Amino acid sequence: MIVGVGIDVVDVTRFGAALSRTPRLLDRLFTAGERALPLNSQAARFAAKEALAKALGAPSGMHWQDCEVVRGEDGRPHLVVMGTVQARVDELGITSLHVSLSHDAGIASAVVVAER
C-alpha cells in the first residue's frame, strides 16, 4: 500500500549559486559522501530529500543529513534513512522507499514513493 508520493525539481544553476553564497549549506544538507559529488548529482539528491519529506507528510523536525541517497550495487539510487527521518518512517509503518533521480537541461528532479 502506498503511504505517500513526493516529487521535487531543482534549478541546478540556482542551487549552485545558493551553495556558493552560503558555503555551510553544503554541510547542512549533505552527508560526506554526497558532498563529494558533482553539482548536478547534489541537486538531484537535494530534490530526492525534498521529495522524501513530501512523501512523509512534510513533518517539521527532520534533519537533512538523516537521509542519504546512495548508489546501489545495481547502479540504482537508494535512500538510506536514520535518526529523525527513520523515526518518521517507523511512525508511518513504511517498509519500502523507492526513489528515481534525473537531471537534464539544467533541471534536477526526483520522485519518492513510500510503501507499507
PDB file of N, CA and C in Angstrom:
ATOM      1  N   MET A   1       0.838  -1.177   0.000  1.00  0.00           N
ATOM      2  CA  MET A   1       0.000   0.000   0.000  1.00  0.00           C
ATOM      3  C   MET A   1       0.892   1.253   0.000  1.00  0.00           C
ATOM      4  N   ILE A   2       0.586   2.183  -0.870  1.00  0.00           N
ATOM      5  CA  ILE A   2       1.342   3.430  -0.950  1.00  0.00           C
ATOM      6  C   ILE A   2       0.886   4.361   0.171  1.00  0.00           C
ATOM      7  N   VAL A   3       1.851   4.832   0.947  1.00  0.00           N
ATOM      8  CA  VAL A   3       1.595   5.750   2.048  1.00  0.00           C
ATOM      9  C   VAL A   3       1.757   7.191   1.587  1.00  0.00           C
ATOM     10  N   GLY A   4       2.714   7.430   0.692  1.00  0.00           N
ATOM     11  CA  GLY A   4       2.947   8.791   0.220  1.00  0.00           C
ATOM     12  C   GLY A   4       3.795   8.815  -1.030  1.00  0.00           C
ATOM     13  N   VAL A   5       3.625   9.883  -1.798  1.00  0.00           N
ATOM     14  CA  VAL A   5       4.418  10.119  -3.003  1.00  0.00           C
ATOM     15  C   VAL A   5       4.891  11.566  -2.942  1.00  0.00           C
ATOM     16  N   GLY A   6       6.150  11.776  -3.285  1.00  0.00           N
ATOM     17  CA  GLY A   6       6.683  13.137  -3.328  1.00  0.00           C
ATOM     18  C   GLY A   6       7.470  13.350  -4.600  1.00  0.00           C
ATOM     19  N   ILE A   7       7.450  14.570  -5.093  1.00  0.00           N
ATOM     20  CA  ILE A   7       8.224  14.937  -6.280  1.00  0.00           C
ATOM     21  C   ILE A   7       8.817  16.315  -6.040  1.00  0.00           C
ATOM     22  N   ASP A   8      10.006  16.552  -6.585  1.00  0.00           N
ATOM     23  CA  ASP A   8      10.609  17.869  -6.461  1.00  0.00           C
ATOM     24  C   ASP A   8      11.525  18.116  -7.654  1.00  0.00           C
ATOM     25  N   VAL A   9      11.648  19.370  -8.034  1.00  0.00           N
ATOM     26  CA  VAL A   9      12.571  19.779  -9.096  1.00  0.00           C
ATOM     27  C   VAL A   9      13.455  20.897  -8.568  1.00  0.00           C
ATOM     28  N   VAL A  10      14.697  20.938  -9.051  1.00  0.00           N
ATOM     29  CA  VAL A  10      15.675  21.925  -8.606  1.00  0.00           C
ATOM     30  C   VAL A  10      16.362  22.512  -9.831  1.00  0.00           C
ATOM     31  N   ASP A  11      16.424  23.828  -9.898  1.00  0.00           N
ATOM     32  CA  ASP A  11      17.193  24.509 -10.928  1.00  0.00           C
ATOM     33  C   ASP A  11      18.663  24.398 -10.511  1.00  0.00           C
ATOM     34  N   VAL A  12      19.466  23.701 -11.287  1.00  0.00           N
ATOM     35  CA  VAL A  12      20.847  23.392 -10.894  1.00  0.00           C
ATOM     36  C   VAL A  12      21.677  24.667 -10.746  1.00  0.00           C
ATOM     37  N   THR A  13      21.548  25.609 -11.656  1.00  0.00           N
ATOM     38  CA  THR A  13      22.322  26.851 -11.576  1.00  0.00           C
ATOM     39  C   THR A  13      21.967  27.637 -10.315  1.00  0.00           C
ATOM     40  N   ARG A  14      20.690  27.759 -10.050  1.00  0.00           N
ATOM     41  CA  ARG A  14      20.245  28.467  -8.841  1.00  0.00           C
ATOM     42  C   ARG A  14      20.721  27.772  -7.578  1.00  0.00           C
ATOM     43  N   PHE A  15      20.667  26.439  -7.585  1.00  0.00           N
ATOM     44  CA  PHE A  15      21.115  25.657  -6.438  1.00  0.00           C
ATOM     45  C   PHE A  15      22.615  25.878  -6.217  1.00  0.00           C
ATOM     46  N   GLY A  16      23.395  25.855  -7.296  1.00  0.00           N
ATOM     47  CA  GLY A  16      24.836  26.100  -7.199  1.00  0.00           C
ATOM     48  C   GLY A  16      25.136  27.487  -6.658  1.00  0.00           C
ATOM     49  N   ALA A  17      24.368  28.476  -7.085  1.00  0.00           N
ATOM     50  CA  ALA A  17      24.553  29.841  -6.583  1.00  0.00           C
ATOM     51  C   ALA A  17      24.255  29.915  -5.091  1.00  0.00           C
ATOM     52  N   ALA A  18      23.224  29.213  -4.642  1.00  0.00           N
ATOM     53  CA  ALA A  18      22.890  29.192  -3.211  1.00  0.00           C
ATOM     54  C   ALA A  18      24.020  28.559  -2.404  1.00  0.00           C
ATOM     55  N   LEU A  19      24.591  27.480  -2.939  1.00  0.00           N
ATOM     56  CA  LEU A  19      25.710  26.834  -2.251  1.00  0.00           C
ATOM     57  C   LEU A  19      26.926  27.751  -2.204  1.00  0.00           C
ATOM     58  N   SER A  20      27.158  28.513  -3.249  1.00  0.00           N
ATOM     59  CA  SER A  20      28.287  29.453  -3.285  1.00  0.00           C
ATOM     60  C   SER A  20      28.086  30.601  -2.295  1.00  0.00           C
ATOM     61  N   ARG A  21      26.859  31.104  -2.219  1.00  0.00           N
ATOM     62  CA  ARG A  21      26.545  32.207  -1.297  1.00  0.00           C
ATOM     63  C   ARG A  21      26.639  31.779   0.159  1.00  0.00           C
ATOM     64  N   THR A  22      26.260  30.521   0.424  1.00  0.00           N
ATOM     65  CA  THR A  22      26.193  30.020   1.798  1.00  0.00           C
ATOM     66  C   THR A  22      26.956  28.705   1.875  1.00  0.00           C
ATOM     67  N   PRO A  23      28.282  28.760   1.984  1.00  0.00           N
ATOM     68  CA  PRO A  23      29.093  27.536   1.955  1.00  0.00           C
ATOM     69  C   PRO A  23      28.715  26.500   3.021  1.00  0.00           C
ATOM     70  N   ARG A  24      28.237  26.941   4.173  1.00  0.00           N
ATOM     71  CA  ARG A  24      27.870  25.979   5.226  1.00  0.00           C
ATOM     72  C   ARG A  24      26.617  25.181   4.877  1.00  0.00           C
ATOM     73  N   LEU A  25      25.896  25.641   3.869  1.00  0.00           N
ATOM     74  CA  LEU A  25      24.705  24.930   3.406  1.00  0.00           C
ATOM     75  C   LEU A  25      25.061  23.522   2.930  1.00  0.00           C
ATOM     76  N   LEU A  26      26.191  23.379   2.287  1.00  0.00           N
ATOM     77  CA  LEU A  26      26.642  22.080   1.789  1.00  0.00           C
ATOM     78  C   LEU A  26      26.749  21.073   2.937  1.00  0.00           C
ATOM     79  N   ASP A  27      27.340  21.502   4.063  1.00  0.00           N
ATOM     80  CA  ASP A  27      27.474  20.624   5.229  1.00  0.00           C
ATOM     81  C   ASP A  27      26.127  20.341   5.885  1.00  0.00           C
ATOM     82  N   ARG A  28      25.221  21.316   5.841  1.00  0.00           N
ATOM     83  CA  ARG A  28      23.916  21.129   6.476  1.00  0.00           C
ATOM     84  C   ARG A  28      23.016  20.175   5.694  1.00  0.00           C
ATOM     85  N   LEU A  29      23.138  20.206   4.369  1.00  0.00           N
ATOM     86  CA  LEU A  29      22.234  19.423   3.524  1.00  0.00           C
ATOM     87  C   LEU A  29      22.708  18.006   3.239  1.00  0.00           C
ATOM     88  N   PHE A  30      24.035  17.811   3.177  1.00  0.00           N
ATOM     89  CA  PHE A  30      24.555  16.562   2.629  1.00  0.00           C
ATOM     90  C   PHE A  30      25.486  15.821   3.575  1.00  0.00           C
ATOM     91  N   THR A  31      25.502  14.509   3.413  1.00  0.00           N
ATOM     92  CA  THR A  31      26.463  13.675   4.117  1.00  0.00           C
ATOM     93  C   THR A  31      27.818  13.824   3.436  1.00  0.00           C
ATOM     94  N   ALA A  32      28.864  13.309   4.056  1.00  0.00           N
ATOM     95  CA  ALA A  32      30.212  13.416   3.491  1.00  0.00           C
ATOM     96  C   ALA A  32      30.275  12.825   2.083  1.00  0.00           C
ATOM     97  N   GLY A  33      29.654  11.672   1.881  1.00  0.00           N
ATOM     98  CA  GLY A  33      29.658  11.039   0.561  1.00  0.00           C
ATOM     99  C   GLY A  33      28.949  11.878  -0.484  1.00  0.00           C
ATOM    100  N   GLU A  34      27.859  12.515  -0.114  1.00  0.00           N
ATOM    101  CA  GLU A  34      27.106  13.341  -1.051  1.00  0.00           C
ATOM    102  C   GLU A  34      27.849  14.638  -1.381  1.00  0.00           C
ATOM    103  N   ARG A  35      28.594  15.178  -0.412  1.00  0.00           N
ATOM    104  CA  ARG A  35      29.327  16.425  -0.643  1.00  0.00           C
ATOM    105  C   ARG A  35      30.410  16.267  -1.708  1.00  0.00           C
ATOM    106  N   ALA A  36      30.891  15.043  -1.911  1.00  0.00           N
ATOM    107  CA  ALA A  36      31.964  14.793  -2.881  1.00  0.00           C
ATOM    108  C   ALA A  36      31.456  14.693  -4.322  1.00  0.00           C
ATOM    109  N   LEU A  37      30.158  14.709  -4.524  1.00  0.00           N
ATOM    110  CA  LEU A  37      29.572  14.521  -5.860  1.00  0.00           C
ATOM    111  C   LEU A  37      29.536  15.826  -6.647  1.00  0.00           C
ATOM    112  N   PRO A  38      29.419  15.730  -7.983  1.00  0.00           N
ATOM    113  CA  PRO A  38      29.275  16.937  -8.801  1.00  0.00           C
ATOM    114  C   PRO A  38      27.945  17.645  -8.532  1.00  0.00           C
ATOM    115  N   LEU A  39      27.883  18.917  -8.895  1.00  0.00           N
ATOM    116  CA  LEU A  39      26.713  19.755  -8.615  1.00  0.00           C
ATOM    117  C   LEU A  39      25.412  19.145  -9.127  1.00  0.00           C
ATOM    118  N   ASN A  40      25.377  18.608 -10.348  1.00  0.00           N
ATOM    119  CA  ASN A  40      24.141  18.006 -10.885  1.00  0.00           C
ATOM    120  C   ASN A  40      23.635  16.898  -9.967  1.00  0.00           C
ATOM    121  N   SER A  41      24.550  16.075  -9.476  1.00  0.00           N
ATOM    122  CA  SER A  41      24.166  14.969  -8.601  1.00  0.00           C
ATOM    123  C   SER A  41      23.715  15.472  -7.240  1.00  0.00           C
ATOM    124  N   GLN A  42      24.363  16.522  -6.739  1.00  0.00           N
ATOM    125  CA  GLN A  42      23.925  17.101  -5.463  1.00  0.00           C
ATOM    126  C   GLN A  42      22.525  17.690  -5.592  1.00  0.00           C
ATOM    127  N   ALA A  43      22.267  18.369  -6.689  1.00  0.00           N
ATOM    128  CA  ALA A  43      20.943  18.956  -6.904  1.00  0.00           C
ATOM    129  C   ALA A  43      19.882  17.867  -6.971  1.00  0.00           C
ATOM    130  N   ALA A  44      20.179  16.763  -7.652  1.00  0.00           N
ATOM    131  CA  ALA A  44      19.222  15.649  -7.732  1.00  0.00           C
ATOM    132  C   ALA A  44      19.000  15.039  -6.354  1.00  0.00           C
ATOM    133  N   ARG A  45      20.047  14.944  -5.557  1.00  0.00           N
ATOM    134  CA  ARG A  45      19.910  14.391  -4.210  1.00  0.00           C
ATOM    135  C   ARG A  45      19.125  15.330  -3.299  1.00  0.00           C
ATOM    136  N   PHE A  46      19.324  16.623  -3.466  1.00  0.00           N
ATOM    137  CA  PHE A  46      18.515  17.576  -2.712  1.00  0.00           C
ATOM    138  C   PHE A  46      17.040  17.426  -3.098  1.00  0.00           C
ATOM    139  N   ALA A  47      16.776  17.288  -4.388  1.00  0.00           N
ATOM    140  CA  ALA A  47      15.397  17.074  -4.847  1.00  0.00           C
ATOM    141  C   ALA A  47      14.826  15.803  -4.238  1.00  0.00           C
ATOM    142  N   ALA A  48      15.649  14.751  -4.122  1.00  0.00           N
ATOM    143  CA  ALA A  48      15.185  13.494  -3.520  1.00  0.00           C
ATOM    144  C   ALA A  48      14.833  13.679  -2.054  1.00  0.00           C
ATOM    145  N   LYS A  49      15.633  14.453  -1.329  1.00  0.00           N
ATOM    146  CA  LYS A  49      15.357  14.689   0.089  1.00  0.00           C
ATOM    147  C   LYS A  49      14.076  15.498   0.258  1.00  0.00           C
ATOM    148  N   GLU A  50      13.871  16.484  -0.622  1.00  0.00           N
ATOM    149  CA  GLU A  50      12.620  17.254  -0.598  1.00  0.00           C
ATOM    150  C   GLU A  50      11.433  16.358  -0.945  1.00  0.00           C
ATOM    151  N   ALA A  51      11.595  15.508  -1.953  1.00  0.00           N
ATOM    152  CA  ALA A  51      10.519  14.596  -2.351  1.00  0.00           C
ATOM    153  C   ALA A  51      10.208  13.613  -1.230  1.00  0.00           C
ATOM    154  N   LEU A  52      11.235  13.139  -0.541  1.00  0.00           N
ATOM    155  CA  LEU A  52      11.013  12.236   0.591  1.00  0.00           C
ATOM    156  C   LEU A  52      10.230  12.937   1.687  1.00  0.00           C
ATOM    157  N   ALA A  53      10.600  14.166   2.006  1.00  0.00           N
ATOM    158  CA  ALA A  53       9.865  14.909   3.035  1.00  0.00           C
ATOM    159  C   ALA A  53       8.388  15.028   2.654  1.00  0.00           C
ATOM    160  N   LYS A  54       8.115  15.290   1.390  1.00  0.00           N
ATOM    161  CA  LYS A  54       6.726  15.386   0.933  1.00  0.00           C
ATOM    162  C   LYS A  54       6.016  14.044   1.054  1.00  0.00           C
ATOM    163  N   ALA A  55       6.701  12.967   0.690  1.00  0.00           N
ATOM    164  CA  ALA A  55       6.094  11.634   0.784  1.00  0.00           C
ATOM    165  C   ALA A  55       5.789  11.262   2.231  1.00  0.00           C
ATOM    166  N   LEU A  56       6.549  11.836   3.164  1.00  0.00           N
ATOM    167  CA  LEU A  56       6.354  11.552   4.591  1.00  0.00           C
ATOM    168  C   LEU A  56       5.410  12.551   5.255  1.00  0.00           C
ATOM    169  N   GLY A  57       4.792  13.410   4.469  1.00  0.00           N
ATOM    170  CA  GLY A  57       3.850  14.374   5.016  1.00  0.00           C
ATOM    171  C   GLY A  57       4.486  15.678   5.450  1.00  0.00           C
ATOM    172  N   ALA A  58       5.736  15.895   5.086  1.00  0.00           N
ATOM    173  CA  ALA A  58       6.477  17.133   5.377  1.00  0.00           C
ATOM    174  C   ALA A  58       6.420  17.534   6.845  1.00  0.00           C
ATOM    175  N   PRO A  59       6.725  16.599   7.749  1.00  0.00           N
ATOM    176  CA  PRO A  59       6.717  16.966   9.180  1.00  0.00           C
ATOM    177  C   PRO A  59       7.916  17.847   9.521  1.00  0.00           C
ATOM    178  N   SER A  60       7.763  18.681  10.528  1.00  0.00           N
ATOM    179  CA  SER A  60       8.887  19.505  10.957  1.00  0.00           C
ATOM    180  C   SER A  60       9.827  18.662  11.821  1.00  0.00           C
ATOM    181  N   GLY A  61      11.050  19.130  11.946  1.00  0.00           N
ATOM    182  CA  GLY A  61      11.996  18.479  12.837  1.00  0.00           C
ATOM    183  C   GLY A  61      12.884  17.421  12.203  1.00  0.00           C
ATOM    184  N   MET A  62      12.699  17.138  10.919  1.00  0.00           N
ATOM    185  CA  MET A  62      13.579  16.160  10.280  1.00  0.00           C
ATOM    186  C   MET A  62      14.874  16.852   9.874  1.00  0.00           C
ATOM    187  N   HIS A  63      15.991  16.138   9.965  1.00  0.00           N
ATOM    188  CA  HIS A  63      17.298  16.685   9.624  1.00  0.00           C
ATOM    189  C   HIS A  63      17.733  16.176   8.257  1.00  0.00           C
ATOM    190  N   TRP A  64      18.275  17.079   7.441  1.00  0.00           N
ATOM    191  CA  TRP A  64      18.690  16.743   6.080  1.00  0.00           C
ATOM    192  C   TRP A  64      19.682  15.595   6.038  1.00  0.00           C
ATOM    193  N   GLN A  65      20.620  15.572   6.966  1.00  0.00           N
ATOM    194  CA  GLN A  65      21.660  14.542   6.942  1.00  0.00           C
ATOM    195  C   GLN A  65      21.159  13.194   7.462  1.00  0.00           C
ATOM    196  N   ASP A  66      19.905  13.121   7.903  1.00  0.00           N
ATOM    197  CA  ASP A  66      19.330  11.846   8.337  1.00  0.00           C
ATOM    198  C   ASP A  66      18.770  11.053   7.156  1.00  0.00           C
ATOM    199  N   CYS A  67      19.062  11.500   5.960  1.00  0.00           N
ATOM    200  CA  CYS A  67      18.731  10.779   4.733  1.00  0.00           C
ATOM    201  C   CYS A  67      19.921  10.904   3.803  1.00  0.00           C
ATOM    202  N   GLU A  68      20.336   9.788   3.239  1.00  0.00           N
ATOM    203  CA  GLU A  68      21.429   9.801   2.271  1.00  0.00           C
ATOM    204  C   GLU A  68      20.978   9.042   1.027  1.00  0.00           C
ATOM    205  N   VAL A  69      21.275   9.614  -0.124  1.00  0.00           N
ATOM    206  CA  VAL A  69      20.991   8.938  -1.382  1.00  0.00           C
ATOM    207  C   VAL A  69      22.295   8.269  -1.813  1.00  0.00           C
ATOM    208  N   VAL A  70      22.257   6.942  -1.902  1.00  0.00           N
ATOM    209  CA  VAL A  70      23.449   6.174  -2.278  1.00  0.00           C
ATOM    210  C   VAL A  70      23.164   5.387  -3.548  1.00  0.00           C
ATOM    211  N   ARG A  71      24.222   5.043  -4.245  1.00  0.00           N
ATOM    212  CA  ARG A  71      24.092   4.219  -5.444  1.00  0.00           C
ATOM    213  C   ARG A  71      24.282   2.769  -5.026  1.00  0.00           C
ATOM    214  N   GLY A  72      23.304   1.929  -5.334  1.00  0.00           N
ATOM    215  CA  GLY A  72      23.385   0.517  -5.011  1.00  0.00           C
ATOM    216  C   GLY A  72      24.315  -0.224  -5.960  1.00  0.00           C
ATOM    217  N   GLU A  73      24.592  -1.455  -5.629  1.00  0.00           N
ATOM    218  CA  GLU A  73      25.433  -2.294  -6.493  1.00  0.00           C
ATOM    219  C   GLU A  73      24.844  -2.415  -7.892  1.00  0.00           C
ATOM    220  N   ASP A  74      23.524  -2.292  -7.982  1.00  0.00           N
ATOM    221  CA  ASP A  74      22.848  -2.378  -9.272  1.00  0.00           C
ATOM    222  C   ASP A  74      22.892  -1.053 -10.047  1.00  0.00           C
ATOM    223  N   GLY A  75      23.526  -0.020  -9.455  1.00  0.00           N
ATOM    224  CA  GLY A  75      23.633   1.275 -10.106  1.00  0.00           C
ATOM    225  C   GLY A  75      22.462   2.205  -9.845  1.00  0.00           C
ATOM    226  N   ARG A  76      21.400   1.690  -9.252  1.00  0.00           N
ATOM    227  CA  ARG A  76      20.212   2.495  -8.978  1.00  0.00           C
ATOM    228  C   ARG A  76      20.365   3.253  -7.667  1.00  0.00           C
ATOM    229  N   PRO A  77      19.735   4.419  -7.552  1.00  0.00           N
ATOM    230  CA  PRO A  77      19.789   5.159  -6.292  1.00  0.00           C
ATOM    231  C   PRO A  77      18.888   4.498  -5.247  1.00  0.00           C
ATOM    232  N   HIS A  78      19.323   4.598  -4.004  1.00  0.00           N
ATOM    233  CA  HIS A  78      18.559   4.084  -2.864  1.00  0.00           C
ATOM    234  C   HIS A  78      18.608   5.111  -1.756  1.00  0.00           C
ATOM    235  N   LEU A  79      17.576   5.150  -0.931  1.00  0.00           N
ATOM    236  CA  LEU A  79      17.543   6.047   0.214  1.00  0.00           C
ATOM    237  C   LEU A  79      17.968   5.289   1.462  1.00  0.00           C
ATOM    238  N   VAL A  80      18.901   5.856   2.189  1.00  0.00           N
ATOM    239  CA  VAL A  80      19.307   5.317   3.490  1.00  0.00           C
ATOM    240  C   VAL A  80      18.840   6.346   4.512  1.00  0.00           C
ATOM    241  N   VAL A  81      17.978   5.923   5.428  1.00  0.00           N
ATOM    242  CA  VAL A  81      17.435   6.851   6.419  1.00  0.00           C
ATOM    243  C   VAL A  81      17.887   6.453   7.818  1.00  0.00           C
ATOM    244  N   MET A  82      17.983   7.454   8.670  1.00  0.00           N
ATOM    245  CA  MET A  82      18.392   7.251  10.053  1.00  0.00           C
ATOM    246  C   MET A  82      17.787   8.366  10.904  1.00  0.00           C
ATOM    247  N   GLY A  83      18.002   8.321  12.174  1.00  0.00           N
ATOM    248  CA  GLY A  83      17.621   9.401  13.081  1.00  0.00           C
ATOM    249  C   GLY A  83      16.192   9.881  12.918  1.00  0.00           C
ATOM    250  N   THR A  84      16.039  11.196  12.700  1.00  0.00           N
ATOM    251  CA  THR A  84      14.715  11.813  12.644  1.00  0.00           C
ATOM    252  C   THR A  84      13.874  11.298  11.475  1.00  0.00           C
ATOM    253  N   VAL A  85      14.519  11.010  10.360  1.00  0.00           N
ATOM    254  CA  VAL A  85      13.784  10.505   9.190  1.00  0.00           C
ATOM    255  C   VAL A  85      13.338   9.067   9.453  1.00  0.00           C
ATOM    256  N   GLN A  86      14.216   8.248  10.024  1.00  0.00           N
ATOM    257  CA  GLN A  86      13.857   6.870  10.367  1.00  0.00           C
ATOM    258  C   GLN A  86      12.686   6.850  11.349  1.00  0.00           C
ATOM    259  N   ALA A  87      12.684   7.777  12.301  1.00  0.00           N
ATOM    260  CA  ALA A  87      11.587   7.844  13.275  1.00  0.00           C
ATOM    261  C   ALA A  87      10.259   8.093  12.578  1.00  0.00           C
ATOM    262  N   ARG A  88      10.237   8.980  11.582  1.00  0.00           N
ATOM    263  CA  ARG A  88       9.001   9.257  10.845  1.00  0.00           C
ATOM    264  C   ARG A  88       8.587   8.060   9.991  1.00  0.00           C
ATOM    265  N   VAL A  89       9.562   7.410   9.365  1.00  0.00           N
ATOM    266  CA  VAL A  89       9.294   6.204   8.581  1.00  0.00           C
ATOM    267  C   VAL A  89       8.653   5.135   9.476  1.00  0.00           C
ATOM    268  N   ASP A  90       9.219   4.953  10.655  1.00  0.00           N
ATOM    269  CA  ASP A  90       8.679   3.968  11.601  1.00  0.00           C
ATOM    270  C   ASP A  90       7.273   4.357  12.061  1.00  0.00           C
ATOM    271  N   GLU A  91       7.067   5.641  12.339  1.00  0.00           N
ATOM    272  CA  GLU A  91       5.764   6.135  12.793  1.00  0.00           C
ATOM    273  C   GLU A  91       4.667   5.837  11.768  1.00  0.00           C
ATOM    274  N   LEU A  92       5.010   5.941  10.492  1.00  0.00           N
ATOM    275  CA  LEU A  92       4.036   5.707   9.419  1.00  0.00           C
ATOM    276  C   LEU A  92       3.956   4.237   9.000  1.00  0.00           C
ATOM    277  N   GLY A  93       4.815   3.396   9.565  1.00  0.00           N
ATOM    278  CA  GLY A  93       4.810   1.979   9.214  1.00  0.00           C
ATOM    279  C   GLY A  93       5.349   1.690   7.831  1.00  0.00           C
ATOM    280  N   ILE A  94       6.202   2.551   7.336  1.00  0.00           N
ATOM    281  CA  ILE A  94       6.757   2.390   5.989  1.00  0.00           C
ATOM    282  C   ILE A  94       7.794   1.278   5.997  1.00  0.00           C
ATOM    283  N   THR A  95       7.680   0.399   5.016  1.00  0.00           N
ATOM    284  CA  THR A  95       8.621  -0.724   4.906  1.00  0.00           C
ATOM    285  C   THR A  95       9.504  -0.628   3.668  1.00  0.00           C
ATOM    286  N   SER A  96       9.147   0.267   2.734  1.00  0.00           N
ATOM    287  CA  SER A  96       9.915   0.363   1.495  1.00  0.00           C
ATOM    288  C   SER A  96       9.860   1.784   0.957  1.00  0.00           C
ATOM    289  N   LEU A  97      11.032   2.281   0.554  1.00  0.00           N
ATOM    290  CA  LEU A  97      11.127   3.590  -0.085  1.00  0.00           C
ATOM    291  C   LEU A  97      11.729   3.408  -1.476  1.00  0.00           C
ATOM    292  N   HIS A  98      11.121   4.028  -2.464  1.00  0.00           N
ATOM    293  CA  HIS A  98      11.608   3.958  -3.840  1.00  0.00           C
ATOM    294  C   HIS A  98      11.955   5.377  -4.282  1.00  0.00           C
ATOM    295  N   VAL A  99      13.073   5.536  -4.991  1.00  0.00           N
ATOM    296  CA  VAL A  99      13.483   6.856  -5.457  1.00  0.00           C
ATOM    297  C   VAL A  99      13.963   6.776  -6.899  1.00  0.00           C
ATOM    298  N   SER A 100      13.623   7.799  -7.664  1.00  0.00           N
ATOM    299  CA  SER A 100      14.120   7.937  -9.026  1.00  0.00           C
ATOM    300  C   SER A 100      14.657   9.356  -9.173  1.00  0.00           C
ATOM    301  N   LEU A 101      15.860   9.475  -9.748  1.00  0.00           N
ATOM    302  CA  LEU A 101      16.521  10.765  -9.934  1.00  0.00           C
ATOM    303  C   LEU A 101      16.734  11.032 -11.417  1.00  0.00           C
ATOM    304  N   SER A 102      16.767  12.316 -11.769  1.00  0.00           N
ATOM    305  CA  SER A 102      17.100  12.692 -13.136  1.00  0.00           C
ATOM    306  C   SER A 102      17.684  14.095 -13.125  1.00  0.00           C
ATOM    307  N   HIS A 103      18.564  14.380 -14.083  1.00  0.00           N
ATOM    308  CA  HIS A 103      18.996  15.758 -14.300  1.00  0.00           C
ATOM    309  C   HIS A 103      19.326  15.930 -15.778  1.00  0.00           C
ATOM    310  N   ASP A 104      18.745  16.994 -16.331  1.00  0.00           N
ATOM    311  CA  ASP A 104      18.931  17.297 -17.747  1.00  0.00           C
ATOM    312  C   ASP A 104      18.520  18.747 -17.977  1.00  0.00           C
ATOM    313  N   ALA A 105      19.179  19.402 -18.909  1.00  0.00           N
ATOM    314  CA  ALA A 105      18.833  20.765 -19.324  1.00  0.00           C
ATOM    315  C   ALA A 105      18.785  21.729 -18.142  1.00  0.00           C
ATOM    316  N   GLY A 106      19.676  21.542 -17.172  1.00  0.00           N
ATOM    317  CA  GLY A 106      19.756  22.462 -16.048  1.00  0.00           C
ATOM    318  C   GLY A 106      18.754  22.240 -14.944  1.00  0.00           C
ATOM    319  N   ILE A 107      17.986  21.160 -15.034  1.00  0.00           N
ATOM    320  CA  ILE A 107      16.983  20.844 -14.013  1.00  0.00           C
ATOM    321  C   ILE A 107      17.280  19.462 -13.439  1.00  0.00           C
ATOM    322  N   ALA A 108      17.244  19.360 -12.111  1.00  0.00           N
ATOM    323  CA  ALA A 108      17.356  18.062 -11.435  1.00  0.00           C
ATOM    324  C   ALA A 108      15.989  17.753 -10.842  1.00  0.00           C
ATOM    325  N   SER A 109      15.611  16.477 -10.888  1.00  0.00           N
ATOM    326  CA  SER A 109      14.302  16.106 -10.352  1.00  0.00           C
ATOM    327  C   SER A 109      14.395  14.763  -9.639  1.00  0.00           C
ATOM    328  N   ALA A 110      13.416  14.542  -8.774  1.00  0.00           N
ATOM    329  CA  ALA A 110      13.352  13.280  -8.036  1.00  0.00           C
ATOM    330  C   ALA A 110      11.903  12.974  -7.686  1.00  0.00           C
ATOM    331  N   VAL A 111      11.613  11.680  -7.647  1.00  0.00           N
ATOM    332  CA  VAL A 111      10.321  11.174  -7.204  1.00  0.00           C
ATOM    333  C   VAL A 111      10.585  10.136  -6.133  1.00  0.00           C
ATOM    334  N   VAL A 112       9.806  10.176  -5.061  1.00  0.00           N
ATOM    335  CA  VAL A 112       9.917   9.186  -3.977  1.00  0.00           C
ATOM    336  C   VAL A 112       8.536   8.599  -3.733  1.00  0.00           C
ATOM    337  N   VAL A 113       8.489   7.273  -3.605  1.00  0.00           N
ATOM    338  CA  VAL A 113       7.263   6.561  -3.245  1.00  0.00           C
ATOM    339  C   VAL A 113       7.544   5.815  -1.943  1.00  0.00           C
ATOM    340  N   ALA A 114       6.668   6.016  -0.966  1.00  0.00           N
ATOM    341  CA  ALA A 114       6.775   5.349   0.324  1.00  0.00           C
ATOM    342  C   ALA A 114       5.659   4.320   0.432  1.00  0.00           C
ATOM    343  N   GLU A 115       6.022   3.064   0.792  1.00  0.00           N
ATOM    344  CA  GLU A 115       5.056   1.968   0.882  1.00  0.00           C
ATOM    345  C   GLU A 115       5.103   1.293   2.242  1.00  0.00           C
ATOM    346  N   ARG A 116       3.996   0.654   2.592  1.00  0.00           N
ATOM    347  CA  ARG A 116       3.997  -0.263   3.746  1.00  0.00           C
ATOM    348  C   ARG A 116       3.326  -1.546   3.326  1.00  0.00           C
TER     349      ARG A 116
END
